[in-house]
Amino acid sequence: MDAIGALANVARRSTERYHEFLRVPAMSVGVYVLPAGATDGQSPHGEDEIYYVVQGKARFLHGALDQPVAPGDVLFVPAHDEHRFHSVEEELVVLVVFAPAEQAPG
């Protein structure tokens, strides 16, 4: 199993479906896993975000833009923008980078 696959297994066991594996003040990085048919309940973050789709098929809503996503896609979301994955057809595994490091909701 590759490193991302091992990290995805940790995320699958989490109730939040997210596993952070790196944190420094300038950024934090984790793996987000959404099973087929899942609902992405995230709300806007106070940090910029980059998503790299490792596996799966879904759609991504960012403002008025609604687009399909598949392996290899890279998405950027500025801080505070509404966004979410939806219509998850195949389990979605996404590498997530927050800059600066994600802050706990408050």
C-alpha atoms as a PDB file:
ATOM      1  CA  MET A   1       0.000   0.000   0.000  1.00  0.00           C
ATOM      2  CA  ASP A   2       1.281   3.481  -0.826  1.00  0.00           C
ATOM      3  CA  ALA A   3       1.600   6.302   1.716  1.00  0.00           C
ATOM      4  CA  ILE A   4      -1.580   8.106   0.616  1.00  0.00           C
ATOM      5  CA  GLY A   5      -3.488   4.817   0.780  1.00  0.00           C
ATOM      6  CA  ALA A   6      -2.292   4.243   4.348  1.00  0.00           C
ATOM      7  CA  LEU A   7      -3.285   7.790   5.338  1.00  0.00           C
ATOM      8  CA  ALA A   8      -6.677   7.327   3.653  1.00  0.00           C
ATOM      9  CA  ASN A   9      -7.243   4.217   5.803  1.00  0.00           C
ATOM     10  CA  VAL A  10      -6.728   6.355   8.930  1.00  0.00           C
ATOM     11  CA  ALA A  11      -9.224   8.917   7.580  1.00  0.00           C
ATOM     12  CA  ARG A  12     -11.748   6.157   6.798  1.00  0.00           C
ATOM     13  CA  ARG A  13     -11.708   5.150  10.475  1.00  0.00           C
ATOM     14  CA  SER A  14     -12.217   8.757  11.636  1.00  0.00           C
ATOM     15  CA  THR A  15     -15.721  10.052  12.308  1.00  0.00           C
ATOM     16  CA  GLU A  16     -14.653  13.281  10.557  1.00  0.00           C
ATOM     17  CA  ARG A  17     -13.327  11.453   7.438  1.00  0.00           C
ATOM     18  CA  TYR A  18     -10.253  13.685   7.638  1.00  0.00           C
ATOM     19  CA  HIS A  19      -6.756  12.865   8.874  1.00  0.00           C
ATOM     20  CA  GLU A  20      -4.200  15.624   9.287  1.00  0.00           C
ATOM     21  CA  PHE A  21      -0.640  14.333   8.983  1.00  0.00           C
ATOM     22  CA  LEU A  22       1.495  17.488   8.791  1.00  0.00           C
ATOM     23  CA  ARG A  23       1.260  20.793  10.652  1.00  0.00           C
ATOM     24  CA  VAL A  24       3.606  23.763  10.697  1.00  0.00           C
ATOM     25  CA  PRO A  25       2.566  27.402  11.184  1.00  0.00           C
ATOM     26  CA  ALA A  26       2.549  28.115   7.435  1.00  0.00           C
ATOM     27  CA  MET A  27       0.382  25.123   6.424  1.00  0.00           C
ATOM     28  CA  SER A  28      -1.340  21.920   7.418  1.00  0.00           C
ATOM     29  CA  VAL A  29      -1.904  18.864   5.224  1.00  0.00           C
ATOM     30  CA  GLY A  30      -4.338  15.995   5.483  1.00  0.00           C
ATOM     31  CA  VAL A  31      -6.322  13.383   3.613  1.00  0.00           C
ATOM     32  CA  TYR A  32     -10.122  13.664   3.255  1.00  0.00           C
ATOM     33  CA  VAL A  33     -12.159  10.582   2.314  1.00  0.00           C
ATOM     34  CA  LEU A  34     -15.818  10.627   1.236  1.00  0.00           C
ATOM     35  CA  PRO A  35     -17.502   7.297   0.459  1.00  0.00           C
ATOM     36  CA  ALA A  36     -19.784   6.990  -2.558  1.00  0.00           C
ATOM     37  CA  GLY A  37     -23.095   8.713  -1.811  1.00  0.00           C
ATOM     38  CA  ALA A  38     -21.670  10.632   1.181  1.00  0.00           C
ATOM     39  CA  THR A  39     -22.593  14.196   2.100  1.00  0.00           C
ATOM     40  CA  ASP A  40     -19.773  16.710   2.452  1.00  0.00           C
ATOM     41  CA  GLY A  41     -20.841  18.803   5.424  1.00  0.00           C
ATOM     42  CA  GLN A  42     -17.865  21.153   5.540  1.00  0.00           C
ATOM     43  CA  SER A  43     -18.286  24.878   5.998  1.00  0.00           C
ATOM     44  CA  PRO A  44     -15.964  27.666   4.812  1.00  0.00           C
ATOM     45  CA  HIS A  45     -12.498  27.781   6.345  1.00  0.00           C
ATOM     46  CA  GLY A  46     -10.476  30.770   7.455  1.00  0.00           C
ATOM     47  CA  GLU A  47      -7.523  29.578   5.380  1.00  0.00           C
ATOM     48  CA  ASP A  48      -6.787  29.184   1.676  1.00  0.00           C
ATOM     49  CA  GLU A  49      -7.119  25.575   0.526  1.00  0.00           C
ATOM     50  CA  ILE A  50      -5.745  23.392  -2.222  1.00  0.00           C
ATOM     51  CA  TYR A  51      -7.352  20.037  -3.010  1.00  0.00           C
ATOM     52  CA  TYR A  52      -5.604  17.345  -5.057  1.00  0.00           C
ATOM     53  CA  VAL A  53      -7.969  14.530  -6.072  1.00  0.00           C
ATOM     54  CA  VAL A  54      -6.130  11.222  -5.626  1.00  0.00           C
ATOM     55  CA  GLN A  55      -8.995   8.882  -6.491  1.00  0.00           C
ATOM     56  CA  GLY A  56     -12.735   8.830  -7.058  1.00  0.00           C
ATOM     57  CA  LYS A  57     -15.393  10.736  -8.962  1.00  0.00           C
ATOM     58  CA  ALA A  58     -17.671  13.489  -7.693  1.00  0.00           C
ATOM     59  CA  ARG A  59     -18.732  17.057  -8.347  1.00  0.00           C
ATOM     60  CA  PHE A  60     -17.368  20.158  -6.655  1.00  0.00           C
ATOM     61  CA  LEU A  61     -19.424  23.264  -5.961  1.00  0.00           C
ATOM     62  CA  HIS A  62     -17.475  26.505  -5.417  1.00  0.00           C
ATOM     63  CA  GLY A  63     -19.675  29.569  -5.534  1.00  0.00           C
ATOM     64  CA  ALA A  64     -21.642  29.374  -8.788  1.00  0.00           C
ATOM     65  CA  LEU A  65     -19.141  26.957 -10.367  1.00  0.00           C
ATOM     66  CA  ASP A  66     -20.235  23.305 -10.273  1.00  0.00           C
ATOM     67  CA  GLN A  67     -17.721  20.979 -11.918  1.00  0.00           C
ATOM     68  CA  PRO A  68     -16.876  17.279 -12.126  1.00  0.00           C
ATOM     69  CA  VAL A  69     -13.713  16.136 -10.354  1.00  0.00           C
ATOM     70  CA  ALA A  70     -11.582  13.057 -10.957  1.00  0.00           C
ATOM     71  CA  PRO A  71      -8.055  11.838 -10.159  1.00  0.00           C
ATOM     72  CA  GLY A  72      -5.375  14.399 -10.953  1.00  0.00           C
ATOM     73  CA  ASP A  73      -7.627  17.444 -10.566  1.00  0.00           C
ATOM     74  CA  VAL A  74      -6.318  20.340  -8.472  1.00  0.00           C
ATOM     75  CA  LEU A  75      -8.757  22.830  -6.930  1.00  0.00           C
ATOM     76  CA  PHE A  76      -8.058  26.115  -5.167  1.00  0.00           C
ATOM     77  CA  VAL A  77     -10.481  27.696  -2.698  1.00  0.00           C
ATOM     78  CA  PRO A  78      -9.716  31.103  -1.155  1.00  0.00           C
ATOM     79  CA  ALA A  79     -10.340  31.526   2.557  1.00  0.00           C
ATOM     80  CA  HIS A  80     -14.007  32.003   3.564  1.00  0.00           C
ATOM     81  CA  ASP A  81     -15.460  30.827   0.206  1.00  0.00           C
ATOM     82  CA  GLU A  82     -18.439  28.444   0.283  1.00  0.00           C
ATOM     83  CA  HIS A  83     -17.537  25.093  -1.276  1.00  0.00           C
ATOM     84  CA  ARG A  84     -18.275  21.376  -1.028  1.00  0.00           C
ATOM     85  CA  PHE A  85     -18.044  18.067  -2.820  1.00  0.00           C
ATOM     86  CA  HIS A  86     -21.324  16.435  -3.841  1.00  0.00           C
ATOM     87  CA  SER A  87     -22.724  13.638  -6.000  1.00  0.00           C
ATOM     88  CA  VAL A  88     -19.885  11.329  -4.941  1.00  0.00           C
ATOM     89  CA  GLU A  89     -20.033   8.460  -7.465  1.00  0.00           C
ATOM     90  CA  GLU A  90     -16.871   6.621  -6.389  1.00  0.00           C
ATOM     91  CA  GLU A  91     -15.064   6.903  -3.047  1.00  0.00           C
ATOM     92  CA  LEU A  92     -13.244  10.226  -3.099  1.00  0.00           C
ATOM     93  CA  VAL A  93      -9.730  10.482  -1.635  1.00  0.00           C
ATOM     94  CA  VAL A  94      -8.424  14.043  -1.582  1.00  0.00           C
ATOM     95  CA  LEU A  95      -5.119  15.483  -0.392  1.00  0.00           C
ATOM     96  CA  VAL A  96      -5.896  18.806   1.344  1.00  0.00           C
ATOM     97  CA  VAL A  97      -3.441  21.658   1.996  1.00  0.00           C
ATOM     98  CA  PHE A  98      -4.437  24.605   4.204  1.00  0.00           C
ATOM     99  CA  ALA A  99      -2.331  27.778   4.257  1.00  0.00           C
ATOM    100  CA  PRO A 100      -1.702  28.933   6.891  1.00  0.00           C
ATOM    101  CA  ALA A 101      -2.335  25.881   9.081  1.00  0.00           C
ATOM    102  CA  GLU A 102      -6.043  25.160   9.640  1.00  0.00           C
ATOM    103  CA  GLN A 103      -7.407  26.613  12.842  1.00  0.00           C
ATOM    104  CA  ALA A 104      -9.892  24.767  14.995  1.00  0.00           C
ATOM    105  CA  PRO A 105     -13.457  26.039  14.467  1.00  0.00           C
ATOM    106  CA  GLY A 106     -14.288  28.610  17.078  1.00  0.00           C
END
